[in-house]
Amino acid sequence: MSNKQNPWSVFWQKGAFAAFLDEKSTLQNYQMRKFWFERMEETEPKQPILDVATGNGIVPQWLSEFADKKGKKFDLIGVDSAVIKPANDKLKLHGETPYERFTLPSNKKFGTIVSHYGLEYGDMAKGLPHLHKNLKRGGMVIALVHSEDSVIVQTSRKVYELLPTLIKHLKKSVEPLYTAILKAAGKPLPKNAQIAQQKLNQLAAKHRNDAAFHRTNFVPAVRHILQAAGQGKAAEAQRVFSEYLNNLNDHKARLTTMVKAVEQAGSGEQLKQQFEAAGFKEVQVEQVQFPETGIVGQCVQAKK
């Protein structure tokens, strides 16, 4: 996948904090940070620490906070195949750098490899043996990996399944409707525009109690477009329509990579077999569940 085609580049370039969090996700942020603090307490990581699919560097940020708290010094490096835009320029993060090929200079090796929903987005058949080869003897991999049972995956799948319908309605109903409203300039709408309005009303009624539908902000976006058209603001209606359609297409592209990632990771047993086939020893896979939010994936720990 070239970086121009990497759907995550757009996401990280907007300065996103993390793929699994938004500004309101203080509970999830607390839980995930605590998860990594506990892993670091248990394992006494060797240096340097490589974070696979780092995004804008939330895991290196957490680990540097852990190190500060414990009076330690971590040598943290993050790599991601997408174009990234980290807020913390003190972190050593490398965008457009697939982990399947990344090596340290002068034949140096990684002491510890961490990943938070990352390994499974690359090519694990190539990536895991490469990481094994470049890991110090006695070094460790700790990775939180997506699973079918995860609430994050299940929630995202519902949105993913809904997106093609919403994109189709935008093109077939919303665009003709707001164009007709602009053209009518307050006069009665033609029959085809009235039918488009009915279809949108039916869609909203059908998904009235659907959390995934509300998560897409379809109703507020369409309302904004139609109100702008009703006020004769053609440029605003067109801008909001284009931005929202692009957002849905971008979201769909990212969720497509998530669906593939979940399939590639497979069950706990399949995940274990993939690590063992790459040469890792003492491979343990455990389901990760938080009391407040449920299952969030599976944690793999393995040694060289």
Protein backbone atom coordinates (compact mmCIF):
# COMPACT_ATOMS: atom_id res chain seq x y z
CA MET A 1 0.00 0.00 0.00
CA SER A 2 1.60 3.29 -1.03
CA ASN A 3 1.37 6.19 1.37
CA LYS A 4 -0.87 8.10 -1.01
CA GLN A 5 -3.35 5.25 -0.63
CA ASN A 6 -2.90 4.82 3.14
CA PRO A 7 -6.27 5.91 4.55
CA TRP A 8 -4.73 6.54 7.97
CA SER A 9 -2.53 9.37 6.66
CA VAL A 10 -5.55 11.71 6.41
CA PHE A 11 -6.60 10.76 9.95
CA TRP A 12 -3.18 11.38 11.53
CA GLN A 13 -2.59 14.55 9.49
CA LYS A 14 -5.65 16.07 11.18
CA GLY A 15 -3.72 15.74 14.45
CA ALA A 16 -5.80 12.86 15.85
CA PHE A 17 -4.90 11.72 19.35
CA ALA A 18 -5.50 8.01 18.71
CA ALA A 19 -7.72 5.84 16.51
CA PHE A 20 -9.54 4.25 19.46
CA LEU A 21 -10.12 7.50 21.40
CA ASP A 22 -11.69 10.88 20.90
CA GLU A 23 -11.56 13.98 23.10
CA LYS A 24 -14.44 12.64 25.21
CA SER A 25 -12.89 9.20 25.83
CA THR A 26 -11.32 9.99 29.21
CA LEU A 27 -12.32 6.58 30.62
CA GLN A 28 -10.80 4.62 27.71
CA ASN A 29 -7.72 6.83 27.78
CA TYR A 30 -7.33 6.11 31.51
CA GLN A 31 -7.86 2.35 31.01
CA MET A 32 -5.44 2.01 28.08
CA ARG A 33 -2.76 4.10 29.81
CA LYS A 34 -3.16 1.98 32.95
CA PHE A 35 -2.89 -1.20 30.82
CA TRP A 36 0.53 -0.07 29.48
CA PHE A 37 1.75 1.09 32.89
CA GLU A 38 0.94 -2.39 34.28
CA ARG A 39 2.75 -4.13 31.38
CA MET A 40 5.86 -2.00 32.02
CA GLU A 41 5.71 -2.79 35.77
CA GLU A 42 5.57 -6.52 35.03
CA THR A 43 8.24 -6.78 32.38
CA GLU A 44 11.17 -4.42 33.07
CA PRO A 45 11.59 -3.58 29.38
CA LYS A 46 14.97 -3.68 27.66
CA GLN A 47 16.10 -0.69 25.60
CA PRO A 48 15.47 0.57 23.00
CA ILE A 49 11.68 0.21 22.87
CA LEU A 50 10.04 0.12 19.44
CA ASP A 51 6.34 1.03 19.09
CA VAL A 52 4.86 -0.54 15.95
CA ALA A 53 2.16 1.49 14.11
CA THR A 54 2.64 4.37 16.51
CA GLY A 55 0.23 6.81 14.82
CA ASN A 56 0.77 10.20 16.46
CA GLY A 57 2.61 8.54 19.33
CA ILE A 58 0.14 7.94 22.13
CA VAL A 59 1.91 4.79 23.42
CA PRO A 60 5.40 6.38 23.45
CA GLN A 61 3.77 9.34 25.23
CA TRP A 62 2.32 7.03 27.91
CA LEU A 63 5.57 5.08 28.27
CA SER A 64 7.61 8.28 28.64
CA GLU A 65 5.15 9.36 31.38
CA PHE A 66 5.65 5.97 33.07
CA ALA A 67 9.45 6.34 32.86
CA ASP A 68 9.29 9.86 34.36
CA LYS A 69 7.08 8.62 37.16
CA LYS A 70 9.52 5.80 37.98
CA GLY A 71 12.64 7.93 37.55
CA LYS A 72 13.72 5.83 34.55
CA LYS A 73 14.92 6.75 31.07
CA PHE A 74 13.32 4.96 28.12
CA ASP A 75 14.77 5.05 24.63
CA LEU A 76 11.52 5.13 22.66
CA ILE A 77 11.14 4.89 18.88
CA GLY A 78 7.82 4.82 17.01
CA VAL A 79 7.21 3.80 13.40
CA ASP A 80 4.09 4.02 11.25
CA SER A 81 3.51 3.35 7.55
CA ALA A 82 1.17 6.37 7.29
CA VAL A 83 2.11 10.04 7.14
CA ILE A 84 1.88 11.23 10.77
CA LYS A 85 1.65 14.56 12.60
CA PRO A 86 2.68 14.10 16.26
CA ALA A 87 1.95 16.87 18.75
CA ASN A 88 4.98 15.98 20.93
CA ASP A 89 8.13 16.71 18.93
CA LYS A 90 10.34 15.29 21.70
CA LEU A 91 9.29 11.75 20.73
CA LYS A 92 11.32 9.92 18.07
CA LEU A 93 8.55 8.99 15.65
CA HIS A 94 8.98 7.99 12.00
CA GLY A 95 6.07 8.19 9.54
CA GLU A 96 6.04 6.48 6.14
CA THR A 97 8.06 3.69 7.76
CA PRO A 98 6.53 0.17 7.58
CA TYR A 99 7.60 -1.97 10.53
CA GLU A 100 8.08 -4.95 8.21
CA ARG A 101 11.29 -3.28 6.93
CA PHE A 102 12.41 -0.95 9.73
CA THR A 103 15.87 -1.56 11.24
CA LEU A 104 18.10 0.41 13.57
CA PRO A 105 21.41 1.79 12.27
CA SER A 106 24.72 -0.07 12.80
CA ASN A 107 23.01 -3.46 13.16
CA LYS A 108 21.62 -2.47 16.57
CA LYS A 109 18.63 -4.43 17.84
CA PHE A 110 15.40 -3.60 19.65
CA GLY A 111 15.19 -4.48 23.34
CA THR A 112 11.39 -4.47 23.58
CA ILE A 113 8.67 -4.20 20.93
CA VAL A 114 5.25 -2.80 21.83
CA SER A 115 2.16 -2.31 19.69
CA HIS A 116 -1.34 -1.00 20.35
CA TYR A 117 -3.64 -2.17 17.53
CA GLY A 118 -0.72 -2.06 15.11
CA LEU A 119 0.96 -5.35 14.23
CA GLU A 120 -2.19 -6.69 12.58
CA TYR A 121 -2.43 -3.68 10.24
CA GLY A 122 0.86 -4.63 8.58
CA ASP A 123 1.86 -7.86 6.87
CA MET A 124 2.33 -10.16 9.86
CA ALA A 125 3.72 -13.03 7.74
CA LYS A 126 6.66 -10.77 6.83
CA GLY A 127 6.59 -8.47 9.85
CA LEU A 128 6.78 -10.94 12.73
CA PRO A 129 9.90 -12.80 11.45
CA HIS A 130 11.52 -9.40 10.72
CA LEU A 131 10.82 -8.20 14.28
CA HIS A 132 12.12 -11.50 15.68
CA LYS A 133 15.34 -11.15 13.71
CA ASN A 134 15.87 -7.57 14.94
CA LEU A 135 15.02 -8.22 18.60
CA LYS A 136 17.73 -8.77 21.22
CA ARG A 137 18.00 -12.25 22.72
CA GLY A 138 15.74 -12.30 25.78
CA GLY A 139 13.85 -9.30 24.37
CA MET A 140 10.08 -9.20 24.45
CA VAL A 141 7.07 -8.29 22.33
CA ILE A 142 3.97 -6.93 24.08
CA ALA A 143 1.07 -6.21 21.75
CA LEU A 144 -2.59 -5.35 22.20
CA VAL A 145 -4.31 -6.83 19.15
CA HIS A 146 -7.88 -6.53 17.83
CA SER A 147 -10.26 -9.44 18.24
CA GLU A 148 -13.75 -10.25 16.96
CA ASP A 149 -15.02 -10.16 20.57
CA SER A 150 -13.79 -6.62 21.16
CA VAL A 151 -16.41 -3.93 21.79
CA ILE A 152 -14.30 -1.56 19.66
CA VAL A 153 -14.39 -3.97 16.71
CA GLN A 154 -18.08 -4.81 17.13
CA THR A 155 -19.04 -1.12 17.32
CA SER A 156 -16.85 -0.26 14.32
CA ARG A 157 -18.25 -3.16 12.28
CA LYS A 158 -21.80 -1.83 12.71
CA VAL A 159 -20.71 1.56 11.37
CA TYR A 160 -18.73 -0.15 8.58
CA GLU A 161 -21.81 -2.11 7.47
CA LEU A 162 -23.92 1.05 7.48
CA LEU A 163 -21.54 3.35 5.58
CA PRO A 164 -22.25 2.10 2.00
CA THR A 165 -25.97 2.82 2.54
CA LEU A 166 -25.27 6.32 3.86
CA ILE A 167 -22.86 7.13 1.01
CA LYS A 168 -25.47 5.92 -1.50
CA HIS A 169 -28.20 8.09 0.10
CA LEU A 170 -25.92 11.13 0.05
CA LYS A 171 -25.37 10.77 -3.68
CA LYS A 172 -28.87 9.59 -4.70
CA SER A 173 -31.06 11.59 -2.31
CA VAL A 174 -29.22 14.41 -0.54
CA GLU A 175 -27.39 15.83 -3.56
CA PRO A 176 -30.50 15.96 -5.85
CA LEU A 177 -32.58 17.34 -2.97
CA TYR A 178 -30.31 20.22 -1.97
CA THR A 179 -29.71 21.04 -5.67
CA ALA A 180 -33.50 21.16 -6.24
CA ILE A 181 -34.01 23.37 -3.14
CA LEU A 182 -31.42 25.85 -4.44
CA LYS A 183 -33.02 25.86 -7.89
CA ALA A 184 -36.60 26.19 -6.56
CA ALA A 185 -35.63 29.25 -4.47
CA GLY A 186 -38.65 28.95 -2.19
CA LYS A 187 -41.11 27.60 -4.79
CA PRO A 188 -42.63 24.08 -4.54
CA LEU A 189 -40.14 21.26 -5.12
CA PRO A 190 -40.42 18.92 -8.14
CA LYS A 191 -41.63 15.34 -7.68
CA ASN A 192 -38.16 13.73 -7.74
CA ALA A 193 -36.97 16.04 -4.93
CA GLN A 194 -40.06 15.20 -2.84
CA ILE A 195 -39.31 11.47 -3.31
CA ALA A 196 -35.69 12.06 -2.23
CA GLN A 197 -36.97 13.82 0.91
CA GLN A 198 -39.27 10.85 1.68
CA LYS A 199 -36.38 8.40 1.30
CA LEU A 200 -34.25 10.40 3.74
CA ASN A 201 -37.13 10.55 6.24
CA GLN A 202 -37.57 6.76 5.94
CA LEU A 203 -33.83 6.20 6.49
CA ALA A 204 -33.82 8.38 9.62
CA ALA A 205 -36.95 6.64 10.95
CA LYS A 206 -35.52 3.16 10.30
CA HIS A 207 -32.32 3.95 12.24
CA ARG A 208 -33.89 6.13 14.92
CA ASN A 209 -32.64 3.85 17.74
CA ASP A 210 -29.42 2.75 16.03
CA ALA A 211 -26.33 3.93 17.94
CA ALA A 212 -24.07 3.25 14.93
CA PHE A 213 -26.25 5.51 12.75
CA HIS A 214 -26.10 8.35 15.29
CA ARG A 215 -22.32 7.93 15.53
CA THR A 216 -22.00 8.88 11.85
CA ASN A 217 -23.68 12.30 12.44
CA PHE A 218 -25.74 11.73 9.27
CA VAL A 219 -28.84 13.65 10.43
CA PRO A 220 -27.00 16.81 11.65
CA ALA A 221 -24.85 16.89 8.50
CA VAL A 222 -27.82 16.50 6.13
CA ARG A 223 -29.83 19.06 8.12
CA HIS A 224 -26.96 21.55 7.78
CA ILE A 225 -26.74 20.96 4.00
CA LEU A 226 -30.50 21.36 3.44
CA GLN A 227 -30.81 24.43 5.69
CA ALA A 228 -27.93 26.12 3.82
CA ALA A 229 -29.67 25.32 0.52
CA GLY A 230 -32.98 26.65 1.87
CA GLN A 231 -31.24 29.95 2.71
CA GLY A 232 -29.79 30.11 -0.80
CA LYS A 233 -26.23 29.50 0.46
CA ALA A 234 -25.08 27.35 -2.47
CA ALA A 235 -21.35 27.44 -1.65
CA GLU A 236 -21.94 26.41 1.98
CA ALA A 237 -24.31 23.58 1.02
CA GLN A 238 -21.79 22.27 -1.53
CA ARG A 239 -18.86 22.55 0.92
CA VAL A 240 -20.61 20.72 3.77
CA PHE A 241 -21.86 18.03 1.37
CA SER A 242 -18.38 17.44 -0.09
CA GLU A 243 -16.64 17.46 3.31
CA TYR A 244 -19.13 15.05 4.83
CA LEU A 245 -19.03 12.68 1.83
CA ASN A 246 -15.21 12.71 1.95
CA ASN A 247 -15.29 12.02 5.70
CA LEU A 248 -17.55 9.00 5.20
CA ASN A 249 -15.37 7.65 2.38
CA ASP A 250 -12.22 8.14 4.50
CA HIS A 251 -13.88 6.45 7.47
CA LYS A 252 -14.96 3.53 5.30
CA ALA A 253 -11.40 3.13 3.96
CA ARG A 254 -9.97 3.07 7.51
CA LEU A 255 -12.58 0.59 8.73
CA THR A 256 -11.81 -1.63 5.72
CA THR A 257 -8.21 -1.88 7.01
CA MET A 258 -9.56 -2.71 10.49
CA VAL A 259 -11.73 -5.54 9.16
CA LYS A 260 -8.69 -7.01 7.34
CA ALA A 261 -6.54 -6.55 10.45
CA VAL A 262 -9.02 -8.46 12.64
CA GLU A 263 -9.16 -11.30 10.10
CA GLN A 264 -5.37 -11.45 9.85
CA ALA A 265 -4.92 -11.60 13.65
CA GLY A 266 -7.51 -14.35 13.98
CA SER A 267 -8.35 -16.14 17.24
CA GLY A 268 -6.02 -16.33 20.23
CA GLU A 269 -4.78 -19.72 19.10
CA GLN A 270 -4.15 -18.51 15.53
CA LEU A 271 -2.29 -15.49 16.88
CA LYS A 272 -0.12 -17.73 19.06
CA GLN A 273 0.70 -19.96 16.07
CA GLN A 274 1.73 -16.93 13.97
CA PHE A 275 4.18 -15.77 16.66
CA GLU A 276 5.59 -19.26 17.14
CA ALA A 277 6.02 -19.70 13.38
CA ALA A 278 8.07 -16.46 13.39
CA GLY A 279 10.42 -17.97 16.00
CA PHE A 280 9.07 -16.45 19.22
CA LYS A 281 9.08 -18.46 22.46
CA GLU A 282 6.88 -18.45 25.59
CA VAL A 283 4.00 -16.99 23.57
CA GLN A 284 1.02 -16.07 25.75
CA VAL A 285 -2.26 -14.66 24.46
CA GLU A 286 -4.85 -13.35 26.92
CA GLN A 287 -8.15 -11.58 26.43
CA VAL A 288 -8.08 -8.00 27.70
CA GLN A 289 -11.27 -6.83 29.38
CA PHE A 290 -12.00 -3.66 31.34
CA PRO A 291 -14.82 -3.82 33.90
CA GLU A 292 -16.47 -0.61 32.68
CA THR A 293 -16.25 -1.13 28.91
CA GLY A 294 -15.86 -4.87 28.24
CA ILE A 295 -13.43 -6.75 25.97
CA VAL A 296 -10.99 -4.53 24.04
CA GLY A 297 -8.82 -7.16 22.35
CA GLN A 298 -6.13 -9.71 23.11
CA CYS A 299 -2.71 -9.16 24.61
CA VAL A 300 0.21 -11.12 23.14
CA GLN A 301 3.44 -11.45 25.09
CA ALA A 302 6.34 -13.35 23.55
CA LYS A 303 10.12 -13.63 23.99
CA LYS A 304 13.14 -14.27 21.81
